[in-house]
N, C-alpha and C. Protein backbone atom coordinates (compact mmCIF):
# COMPACT_ATOMS: atom_id res chain seq x y z
N MET A 1 0.83 -1.14 0.03
CA MET A 1 0.01 -0.09 -0.03
C MET A 1 0.79 1.39 0.00
N ILE A 2 0.25 2.31 -0.55
CA ILE A 2 0.99 3.48 -0.54
C ILE A 2 0.43 4.41 0.57
N ARG A 3 1.39 4.97 1.27
CA ARG A 3 0.80 5.92 2.30
C ARG A 3 0.69 7.39 1.78
N THR A 4 -0.48 8.15 2.09
CA THR A 4 -0.71 9.34 1.68
C THR A 4 -1.36 10.22 2.72
N GLN A 5 -1.34 11.50 2.56
CA GLN A 5 -1.92 12.22 3.52
C GLN A 5 -3.19 13.03 2.89
N ALA A 6 -4.33 13.25 3.69
CA ALA A 6 -5.45 13.85 3.33
C ALA A 6 -5.92 14.90 4.35
N GLN A 7 -6.68 15.86 4.15
CA GLN A 7 -7.10 16.86 4.88
C GLN A 7 -8.70 16.86 4.89
N PHE A 8 -9.24 16.93 5.92
CA PHE A 8 -10.71 16.75 6.00
C PHE A 8 -11.28 18.00 6.81
N THR A 9 -12.44 18.51 6.63
CA THR A 9 -13.03 19.37 7.71
C THR A 9 -13.34 18.69 8.81
N GLU A 10 -13.38 19.43 9.92
CA GLU A 10 -13.65 19.00 11.24
C GLU A 10 -14.96 18.11 11.18
N GLU A 11 -16.04 18.58 10.53
CA GLU A 11 -17.23 17.83 10.45
C GLU A 11 -17.01 16.40 9.69
N GLN A 12 -16.26 16.52 8.77
CA GLN A 12 -15.92 15.18 7.91
C GLN A 12 -15.33 14.34 8.86
N TYR A 13 -14.28 14.73 9.58
CA TYR A 13 -13.44 13.92 10.34
C TYR A 13 -14.37 13.33 11.59
N ALA A 14 -15.13 14.24 12.16
CA ALA A 14 -16.05 13.81 13.16
C ALA A 14 -17.01 12.58 12.70
N GLN A 15 -17.54 12.80 11.58
CA GLN A 15 -18.31 11.79 11.09
C GLN A 15 -17.47 10.51 10.82
N LEU A 16 -16.47 10.67 10.16
CA LEU A 16 -15.62 9.55 9.75
C LEU A 16 -15.28 8.68 11.09
N LYS A 17 -14.97 9.41 12.20
CA LYS A 17 -14.50 8.96 13.30
C LYS A 17 -15.80 8.04 14.04
N GLU A 18 -16.93 8.62 14.07
CA GLU A 18 -18.11 8.16 14.61
C GLU A 18 -18.38 6.98 13.76
N HIS A 19 -18.48 6.93 12.59
CA HIS A 19 -18.65 5.63 11.80
C HIS A 19 -17.65 4.61 12.06
N SER A 20 -16.32 5.17 12.24
CA SER A 20 -15.44 4.07 12.56
C SER A 20 -15.69 3.31 13.73
N LYS A 21 -15.98 3.91 14.77
CA LYS A 21 -16.41 3.50 16.11
C LYS A 21 -17.65 2.53 16.02
N ALA A 22 -18.68 2.96 15.31
CA ALA A 22 -19.74 2.25 15.24
C ALA A 22 -19.77 0.83 14.28
N THR A 23 -18.73 0.98 13.35
CA THR A 23 -18.37 -0.39 12.62
C THR A 23 -17.33 -0.95 12.85
N HIS A 24 -16.50 -0.72 13.92
CA HIS A 24 -15.27 -1.29 14.33
C HIS A 24 -14.30 -1.44 13.02
N GLU A 25 -14.38 -0.45 12.19
CA GLU A 25 -13.38 -0.28 10.90
C GLU A 25 -12.56 0.95 11.06
N SER A 26 -11.39 0.80 10.66
CA SER A 26 -10.48 2.00 10.61
C SER A 26 -10.96 3.13 9.70
N ILE A 27 -10.43 4.30 9.98
CA ILE A 27 -10.79 5.46 9.28
C ILE A 27 -10.11 5.15 7.75
N ALA A 28 -8.98 4.63 7.86
CA ALA A 28 -8.22 4.47 6.61
C ALA A 28 -9.11 3.42 5.69
N SER A 29 -9.52 2.51 6.22
CA SER A 29 -10.41 1.50 5.66
C SER A 29 -11.62 2.09 4.95
N LEU A 30 -12.28 2.91 5.80
CA LEU A 30 -13.40 3.52 5.41
C LEU A 30 -13.09 4.45 4.12
N ILE A 31 -12.05 5.07 4.23
CA ILE A 31 -11.65 5.93 3.04
C ILE A 31 -11.29 5.29 1.69
N ARG A 32 -10.62 4.02 2.03
CA ARG A 32 -10.26 3.14 0.90
C ARG A 32 -11.57 2.61 0.21
N ARG A 33 -12.49 2.20 0.95
CA ARG A 33 -13.83 1.78 0.46
C ARG A 33 -14.64 2.97 -0.22
N GLY A 34 -14.40 4.22 0.34
CA GLY A 34 -15.04 5.26 -0.30
C GLY A 34 -14.29 5.60 -1.73
N VAL A 35 -13.00 5.47 -1.85
CA VAL A 35 -12.34 5.58 -3.15
C VAL A 35 -12.69 4.52 -4.16
N ASP A 36 -12.78 3.26 -3.51
CA ASP A 36 -13.21 2.27 -4.35
C ASP A 36 -14.66 2.40 -5.09
N GLN A 37 -15.57 2.84 -4.23
CA GLN A 37 -16.80 3.24 -4.70
C GLN A 37 -16.64 4.32 -5.81
N LEU A 38 -16.03 5.31 -5.59
CA LEU A 38 -15.97 6.36 -6.52
C LEU A 38 -15.39 5.84 -7.94
N LEU A 39 -14.28 5.01 -7.88
CA LEU A 39 -13.66 4.66 -9.03
C LEU A 39 -14.61 3.63 -9.79
N LEU A 40 -15.46 2.90 -9.13
CA LEU A 40 -16.48 2.03 -9.67
C LEU A 40 -17.69 2.76 -10.28
N THR A 41 -17.99 3.95 -9.71
CA THR A 41 -19.17 4.55 -10.43
C THR A 41 -18.70 5.78 -11.22
N ARG A 42 -17.51 6.02 -11.46
CA ARG A 42 -17.29 7.25 -12.37
C ARG A 42 -17.67 6.84 -13.71
N LYS A 43 -17.77 7.72 -14.51
CA LYS A 43 -17.98 7.57 -16.08
C LYS A 43 -16.57 7.09 -16.76
N PRO A 44 -16.86 6.06 -17.61
CA PRO A 44 -15.55 5.72 -18.19
C PRO A 44 -15.01 6.52 -19.12
N ASP A 45 -13.61 6.48 -19.36
CA ASP A 45 -12.93 7.38 -20.26
C ASP A 45 -13.21 7.01 -21.66
N ARG A 46 -14.07 7.91 -22.41
CA ARG A 46 -14.56 7.30 -23.75
C ARG A 46 -13.38 7.18 -24.67
N LYS A 47 -12.39 7.99 -24.58
CA LYS A 47 -11.28 7.80 -25.56
C LYS A 47 -10.37 6.34 -25.25
N ALA A 48 -10.51 6.20 -24.13
CA ALA A 48 -9.94 4.66 -23.75
C ALA A 48 -10.69 3.56 -24.27
N LEU A 49 -12.01 3.71 -24.25
CA LEU A 49 -12.97 2.83 -24.63
C LEU A 49 -12.81 2.79 -26.20
N TYR A 50 -12.67 3.76 -26.80
CA TYR A 50 -12.64 3.76 -28.31
C TYR A 50 -11.36 3.07 -28.82
N ARG A 51 -10.08 3.44 -28.19
CA ARG A 51 -8.89 2.77 -28.33
C ARG A 51 -9.17 1.30 -28.07
N GLN A 52 -9.67 0.94 -26.93
CA GLN A 52 -9.96 -0.61 -26.76
C GLN A 52 -10.56 -1.32 -27.92
N ALA A 53 -11.65 -0.78 -28.38
CA ALA A 53 -12.69 -1.03 -29.39
C ALA A 53 -11.77 -1.02 -30.80
N LEU A 54 -11.17 -0.27 -31.02
CA LEU A 54 -10.43 -0.11 -32.31
C LEU A 54 -9.26 -1.17 -32.32
N SER A 55 -8.75 -1.71 -31.13
CA SER A 55 -7.55 -2.55 -30.93
C SER A 55 -8.04 -3.89 -31.45
N VAL A 56 -9.31 -4.28 -31.50
CA VAL A 56 -9.68 -5.68 -32.09
C VAL A 56 -10.53 -5.46 -33.49
N THR A 57 -10.49 -4.13 -33.89
CA THR A 57 -11.32 -4.01 -35.22
C THR A 57 -10.41 -4.68 -36.16
N GLY A 58 -11.21 -5.75 -37.05
CA GLY A 58 -10.42 -6.34 -38.24
C GLY A 58 -9.49 -7.46 -37.68
N LYS A 59 -9.42 -7.83 -36.37
CA LYS A 59 -8.75 -8.88 -35.87
C LYS A 59 -9.35 -10.29 -36.09
N TYR A 60 -10.54 -10.29 -36.25
CA TYR A 60 -11.17 -11.62 -36.43
C TYR A 60 -11.81 -11.86 -37.60
N ARG A 61 -11.99 -12.93 -38.25
CA ARG A 61 -12.75 -13.26 -39.51
C ARG A 61 -13.95 -13.97 -39.17
N ALA A 62 -15.04 -13.82 -40.06
CA ALA A 62 -16.32 -14.62 -39.80
C ALA A 62 -16.33 -15.51 -40.89
N ARG A 63 -16.92 -16.59 -40.78
CA ARG A 63 -17.04 -17.68 -41.72
C ARG A 63 -17.99 -17.29 -42.81
N LYS A 64 -18.90 -16.28 -42.56
CA LYS A 64 -20.09 -15.95 -43.22
C LYS A 64 -19.83 -14.50 -43.77
N GLY A 65 -20.01 -14.32 -45.10
CA GLY A 65 -19.59 -12.97 -45.56
C GLY A 65 -20.81 -11.87 -45.54
N ASP A 66 -21.89 -12.34 -44.88
CA ASP A 66 -23.03 -11.22 -44.69
C ASP A 66 -23.28 -10.84 -43.24
N VAL A 67 -22.21 -11.07 -42.46
CA VAL A 67 -22.60 -10.98 -40.85
C VAL A 67 -22.75 -9.49 -40.56
N ALA A 68 -22.29 -8.49 -41.39
CA ALA A 68 -22.67 -7.05 -41.11
C ALA A 68 -24.08 -6.79 -41.42
N VAL A 69 -24.75 -7.63 -42.44
CA VAL A 69 -26.21 -7.29 -42.60
C VAL A 69 -27.08 -8.15 -41.81
N GLU A 70 -26.67 -9.36 -41.62
CA GLU A 70 -27.40 -10.40 -40.94
C GLU A 70 -27.08 -10.63 -39.54
N HIS A 71 -26.53 -9.78 -38.89
CA HIS A 71 -26.00 -10.20 -37.48
C HIS A 71 -27.16 -10.45 -36.47
N ASP A 72 -28.33 -9.80 -36.74
CA ASP A 72 -29.37 -9.97 -35.85
C ASP A 72 -29.85 -11.56 -36.03
N ARG A 73 -30.02 -11.83 -37.24
CA ARG A 73 -30.61 -13.26 -37.51
C ARG A 73 -29.56 -14.30 -36.95
N TYR A 74 -28.25 -14.00 -37.02
CA TYR A 74 -27.19 -14.98 -36.54
C TYR A 74 -27.30 -15.04 -35.07
N LEU A 75 -27.39 -13.92 -34.36
CA LEU A 75 -27.52 -13.97 -32.90
C LEU A 75 -28.83 -14.54 -32.45
N GLU A 76 -29.97 -14.31 -33.04
CA GLU A 76 -31.17 -15.17 -32.68
C GLU A 76 -30.99 -16.64 -32.78
N ASP A 77 -30.49 -17.09 -34.01
CA ASP A 77 -30.08 -18.41 -34.01
C ASP A 77 -29.12 -18.85 -33.22
N ALA A 78 -28.42 -18.10 -32.57
CA ALA A 78 -27.38 -18.66 -31.67
C ALA A 78 -27.98 -18.73 -30.41
N TYR A 79 -28.93 -17.95 -30.02
CA TYR A 79 -29.38 -17.93 -28.69
C TYR A 79 -30.86 -18.50 -28.56
N THR A 80 -31.50 -19.21 -29.58
CA THR A 80 -32.71 -19.93 -29.52
C THR A 80 -32.42 -21.39 -29.70
């Protein structure tokens, strides 16, 4: 783990300390969970998503030549 320093308002610290006592969890652990939640719920980086999608473009070949037109039918056949 990496050690870092953060500053909180008195009210934030008081609430963290109170929650820490109530849950028997360290303040550091509460902060880590909060950061994890923030990272999970943030909007994805669209440029990174485009780069990821482009990295596989043209990488695979289909056995059928009309997949671009008939993809819905092929998916329906595969899932029914």
